N, C-alpha and C. Protein backbone atom coordinates (compact mmCIF):
# COMPACT_ATOMS: atom_id res chain seq x y z
N MET A 1 -6.08 88.15 -81.08
CA MET A 1 -4.18 88.23 -80.59
C MET A 1 -3.79 86.93 -81.81
N GLY A 2 -2.75 87.07 -81.87
CA GLY A 2 -1.68 86.52 -83.05
C GLY A 2 -0.98 85.51 -82.26
N ASP A 3 -0.54 84.32 -82.87
CA ASP A 3 0.25 83.31 -82.17
C ASP A 3 1.34 83.48 -81.61
N THR A 4 2.03 83.20 -81.02
CA THR A 4 3.05 83.57 -80.08
C THR A 4 4.73 83.27 -81.28
N PRO A 5 5.43 84.42 -81.36
CA PRO A 5 6.27 84.29 -82.45
C PRO A 5 7.16 83.09 -82.07
N ASP A 6 7.79 82.29 -83.04
CA ASP A 6 8.70 81.03 -82.81
C ASP A 6 9.95 81.11 -81.75
N HIS A 7 10.33 82.48 -81.97
CA HIS A 7 11.82 82.36 -81.37
C HIS A 7 11.46 82.68 -79.70
N LEU A 8 10.00 83.30 -79.54
CA LEU A 8 10.02 82.96 -78.22
C LEU A 8 9.10 81.60 -77.44
N GLY A 9 8.77 80.72 -78.43
CA GLY A 9 8.55 79.50 -77.88
C GLY A 9 9.53 78.54 -77.68
N HIS A 10 10.63 78.98 -78.71
CA HIS A 10 11.88 78.38 -78.28
C HIS A 10 12.86 78.73 -77.33
N ARG A 11 12.52 80.09 -77.23
CA ARG A 11 13.18 80.70 -75.63
C ARG A 11 12.55 79.71 -74.41
N ALA A 12 11.14 79.65 -74.47
CA ALA A 12 10.72 79.16 -73.18
C ALA A 12 11.47 77.69 -73.24
N ARG A 13 11.43 76.98 -74.27
CA ARG A 13 11.94 75.54 -73.83
C ARG A 13 13.76 75.47 -73.83
N LEU A 14 14.20 76.44 -74.19
CA LEU A 14 15.46 76.78 -74.10
C LEU A 14 15.85 77.00 -72.47
N ARG A 15 14.88 77.77 -72.08
CA ARG A 15 14.91 78.20 -70.27
C ARG A 15 14.82 76.83 -69.60
N SER A 16 13.79 75.97 -69.98
CA SER A 16 13.34 74.88 -69.57
C SER A 16 14.32 73.98 -69.44
N ARG A 17 15.37 73.65 -70.65
CA ARG A 17 16.28 72.65 -70.56
C ARG A 17 17.63 73.51 -69.64
N LEU A 18 17.83 74.60 -69.61
CA LEU A 18 18.74 75.21 -68.84
C LEU A 18 18.43 74.98 -67.62
N LEU A 19 17.23 74.99 -66.76
CA LEU A 19 16.87 74.80 -65.56
C LEU A 19 16.92 73.13 -65.33
N GLU A 20 16.73 72.26 -66.12
CA GLU A 20 16.63 71.20 -65.87
C GLU A 20 18.15 70.34 -66.34
N ASP A 21 18.65 70.71 -67.08
CA ASP A 21 20.01 70.13 -67.52
C ASP A 21 20.86 71.05 -68.42
N ALA A 22 21.66 71.69 -67.48
CA ALA A 22 22.67 72.75 -68.35
C ALA A 22 23.74 72.43 -68.98
N ASP A 23 24.21 71.13 -68.06
CA ASP A 23 25.59 70.33 -68.97
C ASP A 23 24.72 69.83 -70.30
N GLY A 24 23.31 70.04 -70.61
CA GLY A 24 23.05 69.50 -71.83
C GLY A 24 23.09 70.19 -72.89
N LEU A 25 23.39 71.27 -72.62
CA LEU A 25 23.20 72.75 -73.74
C LEU A 25 24.78 72.85 -74.46
N ALA A 26 24.46 72.88 -75.68
CA ALA A 26 25.73 73.42 -76.18
C ALA A 26 26.42 74.59 -76.00
N ASP A 27 27.35 75.06 -76.19
CA ASP A 27 28.00 76.32 -76.04
C ASP A 27 27.18 77.67 -76.35
N TYR A 28 26.98 77.49 -77.85
CA TYR A 28 26.18 78.55 -78.61
C TYR A 28 24.69 78.60 -77.97
N GLU A 29 24.05 77.60 -77.26
CA GLU A 29 22.88 77.53 -76.78
C GLU A 29 22.92 78.31 -75.12
N LEU A 30 24.01 78.29 -74.60
CA LEU A 30 24.24 79.01 -73.40
C LEU A 30 24.39 80.44 -73.43
N ILE A 31 25.38 80.55 -74.78
CA ILE A 31 25.15 82.19 -75.16
C ILE A 31 23.83 82.68 -76.09
N GLU A 32 23.52 82.14 -76.49
CA GLU A 32 22.02 82.28 -77.03
C GLU A 32 21.01 82.72 -75.91
N TYR A 33 20.78 81.86 -74.96
CA TYR A 33 19.90 82.42 -73.68
C TYR A 33 20.57 83.42 -72.94
N LEU A 34 21.77 83.84 -72.85
CA LEU A 34 22.26 84.65 -72.23
C LEU A 34 21.95 85.75 -72.84
N LEU A 35 22.13 86.00 -74.06
CA LEU A 35 21.77 87.00 -75.02
C LEU A 35 20.29 87.53 -75.11
N THR A 36 19.52 86.33 -74.80
CA THR A 36 18.09 86.94 -74.85
C THR A 36 17.75 87.87 -73.45
N LEU A 37 18.56 87.45 -72.43
CA LEU A 37 18.43 88.85 -71.57
C LEU A 37 18.66 89.86 -71.61
N ALA A 38 19.51 90.25 -72.57
CA ALA A 38 19.80 91.55 -73.21
C ALA A 38 19.33 92.36 -74.42
N ILE A 39 19.08 91.13 -74.84
CA ILE A 39 18.38 91.44 -76.58
C ILE A 39 16.92 90.86 -76.28
N PRO A 40 16.44 91.16 -75.43
CA PRO A 40 14.67 90.27 -75.23
C PRO A 40 13.78 90.29 -76.63
N ARG A 41 13.75 91.12 -77.56
CA ARG A 41 12.94 91.14 -78.47
C ARG A 41 13.56 90.43 -79.87
N ARG A 42 14.15 89.62 -79.52
CA ARG A 42 15.39 89.50 -80.81
C ARG A 42 15.68 88.03 -80.66
N ASP A 43 15.49 87.22 -81.92
CA ASP A 43 16.03 85.50 -82.15
C ASP A 43 17.44 85.61 -81.99
N THR A 44 18.08 85.44 -80.92
CA THR A 44 19.63 85.40 -80.45
C THR A 44 20.26 84.25 -80.94
N LYS A 45 19.63 83.01 -81.58
CA LYS A 45 20.45 82.12 -82.06
C LYS A 45 21.75 82.28 -82.86
N PRO A 46 21.26 83.03 -84.24
CA PRO A 46 22.22 83.26 -85.28
C PRO A 46 23.50 84.06 -84.57
N LEU A 47 23.15 85.02 -83.87
CA LEU A 47 23.72 86.02 -83.49
C LEU A 47 24.95 85.15 -82.31
N ALA A 48 24.39 84.03 -81.53
CA ALA A 48 25.22 83.34 -80.80
C ALA A 48 26.24 82.36 -81.42
N LYS A 49 25.90 81.71 -82.49
CA LYS A 49 26.11 80.84 -83.52
C LYS A 49 27.22 81.73 -84.18
N ALA A 50 27.32 83.01 -84.63
CA ALA A 50 28.13 83.50 -85.23
C ALA A 50 29.42 84.25 -84.40
N LEU A 51 29.24 84.48 -82.95
CA LEU A 51 30.06 84.54 -82.20
C LEU A 51 30.80 83.50 -81.87
N ILE A 52 30.47 82.47 -81.47
CA ILE A 52 31.10 81.20 -81.30
C ILE A 52 32.18 80.81 -82.29
N SER A 53 31.52 80.94 -83.48
CA SER A 53 32.49 80.94 -84.76
C SER A 53 33.30 82.13 -84.95
N GLU A 54 33.06 83.07 -84.67
CA GLU A 54 34.20 84.17 -84.85
C GLU A 54 35.52 84.41 -83.98
N PHE A 55 35.08 83.56 -82.61
CA PHE A 55 36.16 83.96 -81.42
C PHE A 55 36.65 82.48 -81.10
N GLY A 56 36.07 81.33 -81.79
CA GLY A 56 36.80 80.11 -81.95
C GLY A 56 36.14 79.24 -80.67
N SER A 57 35.86 79.82 -79.91
CA SER A 57 35.09 78.90 -78.22
C SER A 57 34.22 79.64 -77.53
N MET A 58 33.86 79.17 -76.47
CA MET A 58 33.10 80.30 -75.73
C MET A 58 33.84 80.74 -74.68
N PRO A 59 35.38 80.16 -73.90
CA PRO A 59 36.11 80.77 -73.33
C PRO A 59 36.70 82.05 -74.18
N GLN A 60 37.43 81.59 -75.12
CA GLN A 60 37.34 82.83 -75.88
C GLN A 60 36.74 84.03 -75.89
N LEU A 61 35.55 83.60 -76.35
CA LEU A 61 34.41 84.87 -76.43
C LEU A 61 34.16 85.48 -75.15
N ILE A 62 34.07 84.63 -74.08
CA ILE A 62 34.00 85.24 -72.91
C ILE A 62 34.98 86.12 -72.22
N ASN A 63 36.23 86.06 -72.85
CA ASN A 63 37.36 86.55 -72.46
C ASN A 63 37.71 87.53 -73.60
N ALA A 64 37.14 87.87 -74.45
CA ALA A 64 37.46 88.83 -75.35
C ALA A 64 37.36 90.32 -74.73
N ASP A 65 38.04 91.03 -75.30
CA ASP A 65 38.11 92.45 -74.82
C ASP A 65 36.88 93.09 -75.37
N PRO A 66 36.07 94.37 -74.55
CA PRO A 66 35.04 95.01 -75.21
C PRO A 66 35.45 95.45 -76.42
N GLU A 67 36.48 96.01 -77.04
CA GLU A 67 36.54 96.63 -78.15
C GLU A 67 36.47 95.67 -79.33
N SER A 68 37.04 94.21 -79.24
CA SER A 68 36.99 93.12 -80.28
C SER A 68 35.27 92.94 -80.31
N LEU A 69 34.61 92.80 -79.22
CA LEU A 69 33.26 92.33 -79.32
C LEU A 69 32.59 93.50 -79.50
N ARG A 70 33.01 94.47 -79.74
CA ARG A 70 32.02 95.76 -80.40
C ARG A 70 31.90 96.02 -81.66
N ARG A 71 32.97 95.45 -82.22
CA ARG A 71 33.51 94.97 -83.81
C ARG A 71 32.42 93.82 -84.42
N VAL A 72 31.43 93.08 -83.59
CA VAL A 72 30.48 92.09 -84.47
C VAL A 72 29.45 92.88 -84.65
N ASP A 73 28.55 93.06 -85.48
CA ASP A 73 27.40 93.47 -85.97
C ASP A 73 26.46 93.23 -85.03
N GLY A 74 25.42 93.86 -84.59
CA GLY A 74 24.72 93.50 -83.69
C GLY A 74 24.63 92.96 -82.06
N LEU A 75 26.06 93.44 -81.75
CA LEU A 75 26.24 93.10 -80.07
C LEU A 75 26.21 94.27 -79.60
N SER A 76 25.57 94.63 -78.78
CA SER A 76 25.34 96.24 -78.23
C SER A 76 26.06 96.04 -77.08
N ASP A 77 26.42 97.31 -76.17
CA ASP A 77 27.08 97.34 -75.08
C ASP A 77 26.31 96.54 -73.94
N THR A 78 25.08 96.68 -73.83
CA THR A 78 24.29 95.79 -72.99
C THR A 78 24.64 94.24 -72.84
N ALA A 79 24.79 93.61 -74.20
CA ALA A 79 24.87 92.32 -74.40
C ALA A 79 26.66 92.20 -74.20
N ILE A 80 27.13 93.26 -74.29
CA ILE A 80 28.84 92.98 -74.13
C ILE A 80 29.06 92.94 -72.64
N ALA A 81 28.21 93.50 -71.86
CA ALA A 81 28.22 93.88 -70.54
C ALA A 81 27.87 92.14 -69.81
N ALA A 82 26.80 91.70 -70.20
CA ALA A 82 26.44 90.59 -70.17
C ALA A 82 27.59 89.34 -70.06
N LEU A 83 28.15 89.32 -71.17
CA LEU A 83 29.09 88.33 -71.43
C LEU A 83 30.31 88.64 -70.50
N LYS A 84 30.42 89.97 -70.24
CA LYS A 84 31.69 90.09 -69.14
C LYS A 84 31.57 89.71 -67.74
N ILE A 85 29.90 89.78 -67.38
CA ILE A 85 29.37 89.51 -66.25
C ILE A 85 29.71 87.95 -65.89
N VAL A 86 29.22 87.32 -67.01
CA VAL A 86 29.80 85.56 -66.95
C VAL A 86 31.34 85.46 -66.86
N GLN A 87 32.10 86.10 -67.37
CA GLN A 87 33.77 85.96 -67.01
C GLN A 87 34.09 86.47 -65.90
N ALA A 88 33.65 87.57 -65.30
CA ALA A 88 33.84 88.26 -63.95
C ALA A 88 33.38 86.96 -62.55
N ALA A 89 32.08 86.50 -62.90
CA ALA A 89 31.58 85.69 -62.16
C ALA A 89 32.41 84.45 -62.10
N SER A 90 32.49 83.99 -63.06
CA SER A 90 33.56 82.37 -63.27
C SER A 90 34.91 82.40 -62.83
N LEU A 91 35.59 83.82 -63.17
CA LEU A 91 36.68 84.15 -62.17
C LEU A 91 36.93 84.41 -60.81
N ARG A 92 35.54 84.88 -60.32
CA ARG A 92 35.53 85.10 -58.93
C ARG A 92 35.24 83.86 -58.19
N SER A 93 34.57 82.88 -58.95
CA SER A 93 34.35 81.73 -58.29
C SER A 93 35.56 80.96 -58.17
N LEU A 94 36.26 80.71 -59.27
CA LEU A 94 37.60 79.60 -58.98
C LEU A 94 38.56 80.44 -58.14
N LYS A 95 38.56 82.04 -57.89
CA LYS A 95 39.51 82.45 -57.02
C LYS A 95 38.97 82.21 -55.59
N GLY A 96 37.59 82.14 -55.45
CA GLY A 96 37.28 81.90 -54.16
C GLY A 96 37.56 80.51 -53.58
N LYS A 97 38.16 79.59 -54.38
CA LYS A 97 38.39 78.38 -53.73
C LYS A 97 39.93 78.39 -53.11
N PHE A 98 40.88 79.53 -53.35
CA PHE A 98 42.21 79.43 -52.69
C PHE A 98 42.35 80.86 -52.25
N ARG A 99 41.60 81.73 -52.34
CA ARG A 99 41.79 83.14 -51.88
C ARG A 99 42.19 83.00 -50.06
N ASP A 100 41.53 82.56 -49.61
CA ASP A 100 41.44 82.50 -48.27
C ASP A 100 42.49 81.26 -47.33
N LYS A 101 43.27 80.87 -48.30
CA LYS A 101 43.99 79.43 -48.19
C LYS A 101 45.43 79.51 -48.65
N PRO A 102 46.28 78.75 -48.01
CA PRO A 102 47.64 78.92 -48.41
C PRO A 102 47.43 78.27 -49.93
N LEU A 103 48.36 79.22 -50.82
CA LEU A 103 48.45 78.88 -52.34
C LEU A 103 48.90 77.37 -52.38
N LEU A 104 50.13 77.25 -51.96
CA LEU A 104 50.79 76.04 -52.02
C LEU A 104 49.85 74.58 -51.88
N SER A 105 48.76 74.66 -50.91
CA SER A 105 48.34 73.88 -50.67
C SER A 105 47.09 73.74 -51.37
N SER A 106 46.87 74.77 -52.44
CA SER A 106 45.60 74.78 -52.90
C SER A 106 46.05 75.17 -54.39
N TRP A 107 47.09 74.23 -55.20
CA TRP A 107 47.62 74.52 -56.05
C TRP A 107 46.75 74.22 -57.53
N ASP A 108 46.12 73.14 -57.40
CA ASP A 108 45.34 72.84 -58.37
C ASP A 108 44.08 74.02 -58.58
N ALA A 109 43.50 74.35 -57.66
CA ALA A 109 42.52 75.53 -57.70
C ALA A 109 43.19 76.63 -58.25
N LEU A 110 44.43 76.95 -57.92
CA LEU A 110 45.07 78.31 -58.69
C LEU A 110 45.29 78.25 -59.95
N LEU A 111 45.45 76.43 -60.55
CA LEU A 111 45.98 76.60 -61.69
C LEU A 111 44.80 76.62 -62.42
N ASP A 112 43.75 76.44 -61.98
CA ASP A 112 42.55 76.54 -62.57
C ASP A 112 42.06 77.65 -62.97
N TRP A 113 42.08 78.76 -62.12
CA TRP A 113 41.81 80.04 -61.95
C TRP A 113 42.85 80.67 -63.34
N LEU A 114 43.90 80.52 -63.06
CA LEU A 114 44.93 80.74 -64.13
C LEU A 114 44.61 80.67 -65.44
N ARG A 115 44.64 79.28 -65.69
CA ARG A 115 44.20 78.77 -66.87
C ARG A 115 42.86 79.41 -67.43
N ALA A 116 42.03 79.70 -66.70
CA ALA A 116 40.92 80.32 -67.19
C ALA A 116 40.71 81.77 -67.59
N ASP A 117 41.57 82.58 -66.85
CA ASP A 117 41.96 83.64 -66.91
C ASP A 117 43.10 84.08 -67.84
N MET A 118 43.92 83.32 -68.06
CA MET A 118 44.86 83.62 -69.09
C MET A 118 45.16 82.79 -70.31
N GLY A 119 44.67 81.56 -70.21
CA GLY A 119 44.75 80.52 -71.41
C GLY A 119 44.10 80.98 -72.59
N PRO A 120 42.96 81.40 -72.62
CA PRO A 120 42.19 82.04 -73.82
C PRO A 120 42.50 83.45 -74.59
N ILE A 121 43.19 84.43 -73.80
CA ILE A 121 43.60 85.17 -74.53
C ILE A 121 44.60 85.45 -75.39
N ASP A 122 44.50 86.52 -76.43
CA ASP A 122 45.53 86.45 -77.54
C ASP A 122 46.51 87.65 -77.50
N PHE A 123 46.94 87.75 -76.37
CA PHE A 123 48.21 88.45 -76.26
C PHE A 123 48.88 88.09 -74.96
N GLU A 124 50.12 88.73 -74.62
CA GLU A 124 50.81 88.33 -73.59
C GLU A 124 50.65 89.01 -72.27
N ARG A 125 50.00 88.22 -71.12
CA ARG A 125 49.91 89.09 -69.72
C ARG A 125 50.93 88.69 -68.82
N VAL A 126 51.24 89.54 -67.76
CA VAL A 126 52.25 89.16 -66.73
C VAL A 126 51.57 89.21 -65.42
N ARG A 127 51.08 88.10 -64.57
CA ARG A 127 50.27 88.70 -63.27
C ARG A 127 51.49 88.39 -62.27
N ILE A 128 51.73 89.07 -60.96
CA ILE A 128 52.61 88.83 -59.88
C ILE A 128 51.41 88.42 -58.66
N LEU A 129 51.68 87.38 -58.12
CA LEU A 129 50.78 87.00 -56.98
C LEU A 129 51.87 87.15 -55.63
N TYR A 130 51.45 87.81 -54.77
CA TYR A 130 52.44 88.35 -53.61
C TYR A 130 51.88 87.59 -52.38
N LEU A 131 52.57 86.89 -51.54
CA LEU A 131 52.13 86.00 -50.46
C LEU A 131 52.57 86.59 -49.14
N ASN A 132 51.97 86.14 -48.20
CA ASN A 132 52.77 86.38 -47.01
C ASN A 132 53.46 85.45 -46.13
N SER A 133 53.89 85.22 -45.13
CA SER A 133 54.66 84.60 -44.35
C SER A 133 54.02 83.11 -44.62
N ARG A 134 52.69 83.03 -44.50
CA ARG A 134 51.64 81.81 -44.56
C ARG A 134 51.72 81.09 -45.83
N ASN A 135 51.91 81.65 -46.93
CA ASN A 135 51.86 81.47 -48.26
C ASN A 135 50.43 81.65 -48.70
N MET A 136 49.89 82.67 -47.89
CA MET A 136 48.29 83.15 -48.34
C MET A 136 48.61 84.51 -49.23
N LEU A 137 47.59 84.83 -50.12
CA LEU A 137 47.70 85.64 -51.18
C LEU A 137 47.38 86.61 -50.58
N ILE A 138 48.39 88.10 -50.89
CA ILE A 138 48.04 89.28 -50.00
C ILE A 138 47.44 90.15 -51.49
N ARG A 139 48.46 90.03 -52.78
CA ARG A 139 47.60 90.86 -53.74
C ARG A 139 47.89 90.12 -54.94
N ASP A 140 47.22 90.03 -55.83
CA ASP A 140 47.25 89.78 -57.34
C ASP A 140 47.27 90.88 -58.34
N GLU A 141 48.66 91.14 -58.72
CA GLU A 141 48.62 92.32 -59.58
C GLU A 141 48.71 91.94 -60.87
N LEU A 142 48.41 92.74 -61.97
CA LEU A 142 48.67 92.89 -63.68
C LEU A 142 49.96 93.61 -63.69
N ALA A 143 50.95 92.82 -63.90
CA ALA A 143 52.30 93.48 -63.90
C ALA A 143 52.20 94.09 -65.29
N SER A 144 51.84 93.18 -66.45
CA SER A 144 52.11 94.00 -67.99
C SER A 144 51.10 92.98 -68.95
N GLU A 145 50.67 94.03 -69.59
CA GLU A 145 50.20 93.47 -70.88
C GLU A 145 50.72 93.82 -72.34
N GLY A 146 51.07 92.78 -72.88
CA GLY A 146 51.65 93.30 -74.39
C GLY A 146 51.34 92.66 -75.60
N SER A 147 51.60 92.72 -76.92
CA SER A 147 51.27 92.49 -78.04
C SER A 147 51.79 90.67 -78.14
N ILE A 148 51.33 90.29 -79.12
CA ILE A 148 51.36 88.87 -79.12
C ILE A 148 53.03 88.45 -78.93
N ASP A 149 53.43 87.57 -78.12
CA ASP A 149 54.53 87.24 -77.93
C ASP A 149 55.56 88.18 -77.19
N GLN A 150 54.78 88.77 -76.76
CA GLN A 150 55.89 90.33 -76.25
C GLN A 150 55.25 90.82 -75.21
N SER A 151 55.91 90.94 -73.96
CA SER A 151 55.64 91.50 -72.53
C SER A 151 56.87 91.70 -72.04
N ALA A 152 56.95 92.38 -70.83
CA ALA A 152 57.94 92.33 -69.91
C ALA A 152 57.87 92.24 -68.66
N ILE A 153 58.88 91.80 -67.89
CA ILE A 153 58.71 91.87 -66.72
C ILE A 153 59.99 92.72 -65.67
N TYR A 154 59.73 93.58 -65.02
CA TYR A 154 60.93 94.39 -64.72
C TYR A 154 61.02 93.99 -63.23
N VAL A 155 62.44 93.56 -63.20
CA VAL A 155 62.98 93.10 -61.58
C VAL A 155 62.75 93.90 -60.50
N ARG A 156 63.09 95.29 -61.07
CA ARG A 156 62.92 96.15 -60.05
C ARG A 156 61.51 96.50 -59.28
N GLU A 157 60.81 96.71 -60.30
CA GLU A 157 59.43 97.02 -59.56
C GLU A 157 58.84 95.82 -59.28
N VAL A 158 58.96 94.65 -59.49
CA VAL A 158 58.57 93.41 -58.80
C VAL A 158 59.11 93.52 -57.42
N ILE A 159 60.49 93.61 -57.22
CA ILE A 159 61.14 93.51 -55.95
C ILE A 159 60.36 94.52 -55.26
N LYS A 160 60.41 95.59 -55.92
CA LYS A 160 59.94 96.84 -54.87
C LYS A 160 58.49 96.99 -54.45
N ARG A 161 57.74 96.47 -55.19
CA ARG A 161 56.25 96.05 -54.79
C ARG A 161 56.20 94.96 -53.45
N ALA A 162 57.08 94.15 -53.98
CA ALA A 162 57.03 92.91 -52.89
C ALA A 162 57.40 93.68 -51.54
N LEU A 163 58.57 94.21 -51.39
CA LEU A 163 58.87 95.34 -50.37
C LEU A 163 57.63 96.08 -49.38
N GLU A 164 57.10 96.77 -50.38
CA GLU A 164 55.74 97.67 -50.16
C GLU A 164 54.94 97.17 -49.67
N LEU A 165 54.60 95.80 -49.71
CA LEU A 165 53.52 94.89 -49.56
C LEU A 165 53.76 94.36 -48.33
N GLY A 166 54.85 93.98 -48.19
CA GLY A 166 55.33 93.10 -47.06
C GLY A 166 55.19 91.34 -47.10
N ALA A 167 55.62 91.46 -48.57
CA ALA A 167 55.54 89.83 -49.07
C ALA A 167 56.72 89.14 -48.72
N SER A 168 56.18 87.88 -48.46
CA SER A 168 57.42 87.07 -48.11
C SER A 168 57.79 86.30 -48.78
N ALA A 169 56.97 85.97 -49.97
CA ALA A 169 57.44 85.18 -51.11
C ALA A 169 56.22 85.67 -52.41
N ILE A 170 56.74 85.40 -53.71
CA ILE A 170 56.12 85.81 -54.71
C ILE A 170 55.95 84.27 -56.05
N ILE A 171 54.80 84.43 -56.76
CA ILE A 171 54.38 83.57 -57.82
C ILE A 171 54.28 84.49 -59.08
N LEU A 172 55.27 84.27 -59.80
CA LEU A 172 55.15 84.97 -61.11
C LEU A 172 54.36 83.98 -62.50
N VAL A 173 53.67 84.72 -62.98
CA VAL A 173 52.46 84.19 -64.29
C VAL A 173 52.54 84.69 -65.58
N HIS A 174 52.58 83.91 -66.57
CA HIS A 174 52.38 84.65 -67.74
C HIS A 174 51.92 83.65 -68.48
N ASN A 175 51.48 84.14 -69.62
CA ASN A 175 50.62 83.01 -70.90
C ASN A 175 51.56 83.31 -72.33
N HIS A 176 51.52 82.12 -72.83
CA HIS A 176 52.08 82.40 -73.97
C HIS A 176 51.06 82.26 -75.23
N PRO A 177 50.71 83.25 -75.78
CA PRO A 177 49.54 83.24 -76.63
C PRO A 177 49.79 82.21 -77.87
N SER A 178 50.98 81.67 -78.13
CA SER A 178 50.84 80.60 -79.10
C SER A 178 50.28 79.51 -78.61
N GLY A 179 49.92 79.12 -77.23
CA GLY A 179 49.61 77.75 -77.03
C GLY A 179 50.51 76.78 -76.56
N SER A 180 51.82 77.03 -76.59
CA SER A 180 52.62 76.27 -75.86
C SER A 180 52.96 77.05 -74.71
N PRO A 181 53.28 75.93 -73.72
CA PRO A 181 53.63 76.77 -72.38
C PRO A 181 55.09 76.53 -72.14
N GLU A 182 55.88 76.05 -73.10
CA GLU A 182 57.26 76.00 -72.97
C GLU A 182 58.13 77.07 -72.87
N PRO A 183 58.66 77.38 -71.40
CA PRO A 183 59.74 78.32 -71.17
C PRO A 183 60.92 79.04 -72.40
N SER A 184 60.80 80.25 -72.63
CA SER A 184 61.72 80.45 -73.71
C SER A 184 63.27 80.73 -72.91
N ARG A 185 64.23 80.73 -73.17
CA ARG A 185 65.30 81.11 -72.60
C ARG A 185 65.45 82.62 -72.07
N GLN A 186 64.57 83.56 -72.39
CA GLN A 186 64.13 84.89 -72.01
C GLN A 186 63.59 84.54 -71.09
N ASP A 187 62.49 83.74 -70.83
CA ASP A 187 61.93 83.72 -69.52
C ASP A 187 62.31 82.80 -68.29
N ILE A 188 63.47 82.28 -68.68
CA ILE A 188 64.39 81.14 -67.74
C ILE A 188 65.32 82.41 -67.19
N ALA A 189 66.03 83.14 -68.02
CA ALA A 189 66.72 84.08 -67.79
C ALA A 189 66.25 84.99 -66.55
N ILE A 190 65.35 86.12 -67.17
CA ILE A 190 64.35 86.84 -66.09
C ILE A 190 64.22 86.13 -65.04
N THR A 191 63.68 85.17 -64.98
CA THR A 191 63.36 84.27 -63.66
C THR A 191 64.31 83.87 -62.59
N ARG A 192 65.31 83.43 -63.20
CA ARG A 192 66.70 83.31 -62.34
C ARG A 192 67.44 84.81 -61.75
N GLU A 193 67.10 85.62 -62.55
CA GLU A 193 67.50 87.24 -61.97
C GLU A 193 66.69 87.64 -60.83
N ILE A 194 65.17 87.39 -61.02
CA ILE A 194 64.41 87.83 -59.86
C ILE A 194 64.42 86.77 -58.43
N ALA A 195 64.78 85.60 -58.96
CA ALA A 195 64.80 84.56 -58.04
C ALA A 195 66.11 85.01 -56.85
N ASP A 196 67.31 85.25 -57.68
CA ASP A 196 68.58 86.18 -57.09
C ASP A 196 68.36 87.10 -56.30
N VAL A 197 67.90 88.24 -56.90
CA VAL A 197 67.62 89.43 -56.15
C VAL A 197 66.73 89.50 -54.82
N ALA A 198 65.63 88.57 -55.41
CA ALA A 198 64.34 88.47 -54.11
C ALA A 198 65.19 87.82 -52.91
N GLY A 199 66.02 86.40 -53.44
CA GLY A 199 66.27 86.04 -52.23
C GLY A 199 67.11 86.76 -51.20
N LYS A 200 68.35 87.49 -51.98
CA LYS A 200 68.96 88.46 -51.18
C LYS A 200 68.22 89.29 -49.96
N LEU A 201 67.14 89.50 -50.53
CA LEU A 201 66.36 90.41 -49.84
C LEU A 201 65.11 89.58 -48.89
N GLY A 202 65.27 88.20 -48.53
CA GLY A 202 64.53 87.17 -48.01
C GLY A 202 63.14 86.99 -48.51
N ILE A 203 63.23 87.23 -49.72
CA ILE A 203 61.61 86.90 -50.71
C ILE A 203 61.98 85.68 -51.36
N THR A 204 60.94 84.53 -50.90
CA THR A 204 61.28 83.22 -51.98
C THR A 204 60.26 83.62 -53.24
N LEU A 205 61.07 83.10 -54.41
CA LEU A 205 60.31 82.90 -55.70
C LEU A 205 59.66 81.85 -55.43
N HIS A 206 58.66 81.22 -55.15
CA HIS A 206 58.19 80.00 -55.33
C HIS A 206 57.78 79.54 -56.73
N ASP A 207 57.55 79.75 -57.49
CA ASP A 207 57.40 79.33 -58.92
C ASP A 207 57.20 80.39 -60.15
N HIS A 208 57.50 79.94 -61.15
CA HIS A 208 57.18 80.69 -62.20
C HIS A 208 56.20 79.58 -63.45
N VAL A 209 55.17 80.35 -63.47
CA VAL A 209 54.12 79.43 -64.12
C VAL A 209 53.77 80.06 -65.49
N VAL A 210 54.21 78.99 -66.66
CA VAL A 210 53.95 79.48 -68.06
C VAL A 210 52.26 78.75 -68.31
N ILE A 211 51.46 79.67 -68.99
CA ILE A 211 50.08 79.10 -69.35
C ILE A 211 50.44 78.82 -70.54
N GLY A 212 49.81 78.07 -71.47
CA GLY A 212 49.75 78.08 -73.01
C GLY A 212 48.25 77.30 -73.25
N GLY A 213 47.23 77.99 -73.44
CA GLY A 213 46.13 77.06 -73.65
C GLY A 213 45.37 76.64 -72.23
N THR A 214 45.34 75.60 -72.61
CA THR A 214 44.73 74.53 -71.13
C THR A 214 45.69 74.03 -70.49
N ASP A 215 47.12 74.06 -71.13
CA ASP A 215 48.43 73.74 -70.41
C ASP A 215 48.94 74.65 -69.63
N TYR A 216 50.14 73.92 -69.16
CA TYR A 216 51.04 75.04 -67.98
C TYR A 216 52.08 74.39 -67.99
N ARG A 217 53.28 75.30 -67.98
CA ARG A 217 54.56 74.71 -67.22
C ARG A 217 54.73 75.19 -66.02
N SER A 218 55.63 74.79 -65.14
CA SER A 218 55.94 74.92 -63.51
C SER A 218 57.70 75.15 -63.83
N PHE A 219 58.10 76.20 -63.56
CA PHE A 219 59.42 76.25 -63.14
C PHE A 219 60.06 75.47 -62.07
N ARG A 220 59.23 75.51 -60.78
CA ARG A 220 59.78 74.85 -60.00
C ARG A 220 59.71 72.85 -60.10
N ALA A 221 58.56 72.52 -60.96
CA ALA A 221 58.64 71.13 -61.16
C ALA A 221 59.42 70.60 -62.47
N MET A 222 59.84 71.53 -63.12
CA MET A 222 60.89 71.46 -64.33
C MET A 222 62.15 71.58 -63.89
N GLY A 223 62.27 72.00 -62.23
CA GLY A 223 64.02 72.20 -61.89
C GLY A 223 64.72 73.41 -62.52
N LEU A 224 63.53 74.38 -62.69
CA LEU A 224 64.43 75.27 -63.06
C LEU A 224 64.72 76.46 -62.15
N LEU A 225 63.89 75.83 -60.97
CA LEU A 225 64.21 77.23 -59.75
C LEU A 225 64.87 75.94 -58.59
């Protein structure tokens, strides 16, 4: 019998390090080991390093859309699915910290989830969080996705959906792919319009949160609501 291939011995050592001290692994090493589960007969270190370099960081890689990932040579759909499992599990874990609690008393947990979900993506996304009278989450809905720096919030659709769900309050969230969370004049105008229309129907707009990378701005905290 021949000697064990070098990458298999390395893989075993990597597994031991992962089980003993996952925090001690570099980002590319975490991706490398994940890829070994999807690509068992290949040395995945070069691919892992190439992916981190291509997408800029592990969060951006995990949040990349499947079509962008498919353009990377050597990355199969099975490997892409492995990356998306990590994304889904991470977001579900973060969301679990506030899912069954009043959102206003779980604000930090909510922000952690929003930044993980919306901070790394390079296109604009708008989410609406619909709350009941106890400020617990009824529904989290994706309102729109747009190209870089362009998305839309339709006042009528937001209010119509709130009435359909019997929501007592809403929170608006969107991201700025530029990385700056500072609200634009258009952001401020549309927020005030939604707050005005919602208020007349007994629905409270608690906040509008703008995510920019790992930072954020709260309209409520800035005195814009």
